[in-house]
């Protein structure tokens, strides 16, 4: 799975996902915007994580899609959605009552960025 070089508005994430899932990328863009608004930015951070994580598609030749990357993207979307749902239910609270959803999401983004740099 790669970020699209030709079907992009911002980072090419939705274009790449649309190509793999055979869905119009504009539906995915609308879903990301709607979910980002509903989750007060959690899916916007997920989009940035995917932007960091997914390599750019090359124009020289298309590579075969690896199902492992699609599985990882699906897992990240599911973890973000589940974390947000648990957070609004009051489940992600620290010992003093502070919300731990945003620190956990930023820790996830930092971990993805770290492993992306190590792998490069």
C-alpha atoms as a PDB file:
ATOM      1  CA  UNK A   1       0.000   0.000   0.000  1.00  0.00           C
ATOM      2  CA  UNK A   2       1.333   3.411  -0.976  1.00  0.00           C
ATOM      3  CA  UNK A   3       0.291   7.050  -0.873  1.00  0.00           C
ATOM      4  CA  UNK A   4      -0.996   8.021  -4.298  1.00  0.00           C
ATOM      5  CA  UNK A   5       1.163  10.291  -6.416  1.00  0.00           C
ATOM      6  CA  UNK A   6      -1.580  11.156  -8.903  1.00  0.00           C
ATOM      7  CA  UNK A   7      -4.804  11.050  -6.824  1.00  0.00           C
ATOM      8  CA  UNK A   8      -3.894  13.372  -3.988  1.00  0.00           C
ATOM      9  CA  UNK A   9      -5.285  16.459  -2.344  1.00  0.00           C
ATOM     10  CA  UNK A  10      -3.075  16.682   0.730  1.00  0.00           C
ATOM     11  CA  UNK A  11      -0.818  13.695   1.289  1.00  0.00           C
ATOM     12  CA  UNK A  12      -2.177  11.022  -1.029  1.00  0.00           C
ATOM     13  CA  UNK A  13      -3.347   8.764   1.823  1.00  0.00           C
ATOM     14  CA  UNK A  14      -6.990   8.603   0.734  1.00  0.00           C
ATOM     15  CA  UNK A  15      -5.985   8.173  -2.913  1.00  0.00           C
ATOM     16  CA  UNK A  16      -3.805   5.203  -1.988  1.00  0.00           C
ATOM     17  CA  UNK A  17      -6.467   3.685   0.267  1.00  0.00           C
ATOM     18  CA  UNK A  18      -9.073   4.185  -2.452  1.00  0.00           C
ATOM     19  CA  UNK A  19      -6.908   2.376  -5.002  1.00  0.00           C
ATOM     20  CA  UNK A  20      -6.370  -0.603  -2.700  1.00  0.00           C
ATOM     21  CA  UNK A  21      -9.967  -0.816  -1.502  1.00  0.00           C
ATOM     22  CA  UNK A  22     -11.389   0.042  -4.966  1.00  0.00           C
ATOM     23  CA  UNK A  23     -13.398   2.926  -3.495  1.00  0.00           C
ATOM     24  CA  UNK A  24     -13.621   6.471  -4.811  1.00  0.00           C
ATOM     25  CA  UNK A  25     -11.031   8.459  -2.869  1.00  0.00           C
ATOM     26  CA  UNK A  26     -13.490  11.316  -2.356  1.00  0.00           C
ATOM     27  CA  UNK A  27     -15.677   9.048  -0.205  1.00  0.00           C
ATOM     28  CA  UNK A  28     -12.664   8.295   1.977  1.00  0.00           C
ATOM     29  CA  UNK A  29     -11.751  11.992   2.169  1.00  0.00           C
ATOM     30  CA  UNK A  30     -15.292  12.838   3.259  1.00  0.00           C
ATOM     31  CA  UNK A  31     -15.187  10.032   5.848  1.00  0.00           C
ATOM     32  CA  UNK A  32     -11.843  11.254   7.245  1.00  0.00           C
ATOM     33  CA  UNK A  33     -13.126  14.842   7.513  1.00  0.00           C
ATOM     34  CA  UNK A  34     -16.387  13.746   9.148  1.00  0.00           C
ATOM     35  CA  UNK A  35     -14.611  11.420  11.584  1.00  0.00           C
ATOM     36  CA  UNK A  36     -12.012  14.082  12.374  1.00  0.00           C
ATOM     37  CA  UNK A  37     -14.808  16.485  13.278  1.00  0.00           C
ATOM     38  CA  UNK A  38     -16.724  13.900  15.309  1.00  0.00           C
ATOM     39  CA  UNK A  39     -13.638  12.739  17.220  1.00  0.00           C
ATOM     40  CA  UNK A  40     -12.323  16.284  17.768  1.00  0.00           C
ATOM     41  CA  UNK A  41      -9.245  15.639  15.687  1.00  0.00           C
ATOM     42  CA  UNK A  42      -8.341  12.033  16.464  1.00  0.00           C
ATOM     43  CA  UNK A  43      -8.761  10.943  12.851  1.00  0.00           C
ATOM     44  CA  UNK A  44      -6.791  13.985  11.688  1.00  0.00           C
ATOM     45  CA  UNK A  45      -3.873  12.705  13.761  1.00  0.00           C
ATOM     46  CA  UNK A  46      -4.478   9.219  12.344  1.00  0.00           C
ATOM     47  CA  UNK A  47      -4.238  10.726   8.840  1.00  0.00           C
ATOM     48  CA  UNK A  48      -0.875  12.261   9.783  1.00  0.00           C
ATOM     49  CA  UNK A  49       0.316   8.912  11.156  1.00  0.00           C
ATOM     50  CA  UNK A  50      -0.650   7.227   7.887  1.00  0.00           C
ATOM     51  CA  UNK A  51       1.055  10.022   5.959  1.00  0.00           C
ATOM     52  CA  UNK A  52       4.295   9.334   7.861  1.00  0.00           C
ATOM     53  CA  UNK A  53       3.938   5.570   7.696  1.00  0.00           C
ATOM     54  CA  UNK A  54       3.015   4.940   4.059  1.00  0.00           C
ATOM     55  CA  UNK A  55       5.673   5.387   1.390  1.00  0.00           C
ATOM     56  CA  UNK A  56       5.022   7.508  -1.697  1.00  0.00           C
ATOM     57  CA  UNK A  57       3.978   5.705  -4.868  1.00  0.00           C
ATOM     58  CA  UNK A  58       6.526   5.982  -7.675  1.00  0.00           C
ATOM     59  CA  UNK A  59       5.663   6.843 -11.252  1.00  0.00           C
ATOM     60  CA  UNK A  60       8.348   4.495 -12.588  1.00  0.00           C
ATOM     61  CA  UNK A  61       6.443   1.345 -11.776  1.00  0.00           C
ATOM     62  CA  UNK A  62       3.679   0.305  -9.487  1.00  0.00           C
ATOM     63  CA  UNK A  63       4.627  -2.214  -6.887  1.00  0.00           C
ATOM     64  CA  UNK A  64       2.404  -4.986  -5.699  1.00  0.00           C
ATOM     65  CA  UNK A  65       0.259  -4.137  -2.717  1.00  0.00           C
ATOM     66  CA  UNK A  66       1.248  -5.867   0.466  1.00  0.00           C
ATOM     67  CA  UNK A  67      -1.674  -7.036   2.535  1.00  0.00           C
ATOM     68  CA  UNK A  68       0.356  -6.521   5.716  1.00  0.00           C
ATOM     69  CA  UNK A  69       0.339  -2.753   5.285  1.00  0.00           C
ATOM     70  CA  UNK A  70      -3.407  -2.723   4.641  1.00  0.00           C
ATOM     71  CA  UNK A  71      -3.890  -4.802   7.777  1.00  0.00           C
ATOM     72  CA  UNK A  72      -1.772  -2.330   9.758  1.00  0.00           C
ATOM     73  CA  UNK A  73      -3.782   0.626   8.434  1.00  0.00           C
ATOM     74  CA  UNK A  74      -7.030  -1.154   9.299  1.00  0.00           C
ATOM     75  CA  UNK A  75      -5.693  -1.909  12.777  1.00  0.00           C
ATOM     76  CA  UNK A  76      -4.677   1.737  13.331  1.00  0.00           C
ATOM     77  CA  UNK A  77      -8.126   2.950  12.272  1.00  0.00           C
ATOM     78  CA  UNK A  78      -9.807   0.423  14.574  1.00  0.00           C
ATOM     79  CA  UNK A  79      -7.546   1.270  17.546  1.00  0.00           C
ATOM     80  CA  UNK A  80      -8.138   5.002  17.068  1.00  0.00           C
ATOM     81  CA  UNK A  81     -11.908   4.546  16.856  1.00  0.00           C
ATOM     82  CA  UNK A  82     -12.001   2.173  19.844  1.00  0.00           C
ATOM     83  CA  UNK A  83      -9.795   4.471  21.917  1.00  0.00           C
ATOM     84  CA  UNK A  84     -12.000   7.433  21.141  1.00  0.00           C
ATOM     85  CA  UNK A  85     -15.165   5.482  22.047  1.00  0.00           C
ATOM     86  CA  UNK A  86     -13.620   4.328  25.327  1.00  0.00           C
ATOM     87  CA  UNK A  87     -12.468   7.888  26.002  1.00  0.00           C
ATOM     88  CA  UNK A  88     -15.911   9.445  25.580  1.00  0.00           C
ATOM     89  CA  UNK A  89     -17.265   6.730  27.861  1.00  0.00           C
ATOM     90  CA  UNK A  90     -14.802   7.810  30.549  1.00  0.00           C
ATOM     91  CA  UNK A  91     -12.612   4.716  30.357  1.00  0.00           C
ATOM     92  CA  UNK A  92      -9.248   6.320  29.608  1.00  0.00           C
ATOM     93  CA  UNK A  93      -8.676   8.305  32.771  1.00  0.00           C
ATOM     94  CA  UNK A  94      -5.496   8.661  34.757  1.00  0.00           C
ATOM     95  CA  UNK A  95      -5.265   8.367  38.535  1.00  0.00           C
ATOM     96  CA  UNK A  96      -6.039  12.068  38.948  1.00  0.00           C
ATOM     97  CA  UNK A  97      -8.939  11.984  36.470  1.00  0.00           C
ATOM     98  CA  UNK A  98      -7.237  13.485  33.421  1.00  0.00           C
ATOM     99  CA  UNK A  99      -8.112  12.159  29.965  1.00  0.00           C
ATOM    100  CA  UNK A 100      -5.346   9.925  28.574  1.00  0.00           C
ATOM    101  CA  UNK A 101      -6.672   9.582  25.005  1.00  0.00           C
ATOM    102  CA  UNK A 102      -4.648  12.415  23.457  1.00  0.00           C
ATOM    103  CA  UNK A 103      -1.357  11.487  25.142  1.00  0.00           C
ATOM    104  CA  UNK A 104      -1.863   7.864  24.012  1.00  0.00           C
ATOM    105  CA  UNK A 105      -2.602   8.960  20.442  1.00  0.00           C
ATOM    106  CA  UNK A 106       0.463  11.219  20.381  1.00  0.00           C
ATOM    107  CA  UNK A 107       2.563   8.365  21.792  1.00  0.00           C
ATOM    108  CA  UNK A 108       1.291   6.150  18.971  1.00  0.00           C
ATOM    109  CA  UNK A 109       2.191   8.835  16.412  1.00  0.00           C
ATOM    110  CA  UNK A 110       5.669   9.177  17.904  1.00  0.00           C
ATOM    111  CA  UNK A 111       6.193   5.419  17.880  1.00  0.00           C
ATOM    112  CA  UNK A 112       5.171   5.147  14.221  1.00  0.00           C
ATOM    113  CA  UNK A 113       7.455   8.066  13.347  1.00  0.00           C
ATOM    114  CA  UNK A 114      10.355   6.505  15.282  1.00  0.00           C
ATOM    115  CA  UNK A 115      10.040   3.112  13.585  1.00  0.00           C
ATOM    116  CA  UNK A 116       9.650   4.800  10.201  1.00  0.00           C
ATOM    117  CA  UNK A 117      12.964   6.611  10.778  1.00  0.00           C
ATOM    118  CA  UNK A 118      14.729   3.465  12.019  1.00  0.00           C
ATOM    119  CA  UNK A 119      13.544   1.472   9.009  1.00  0.00           C
ATOM    120  CA  UNK A 120      14.675   4.100   6.466  1.00  0.00           C
END
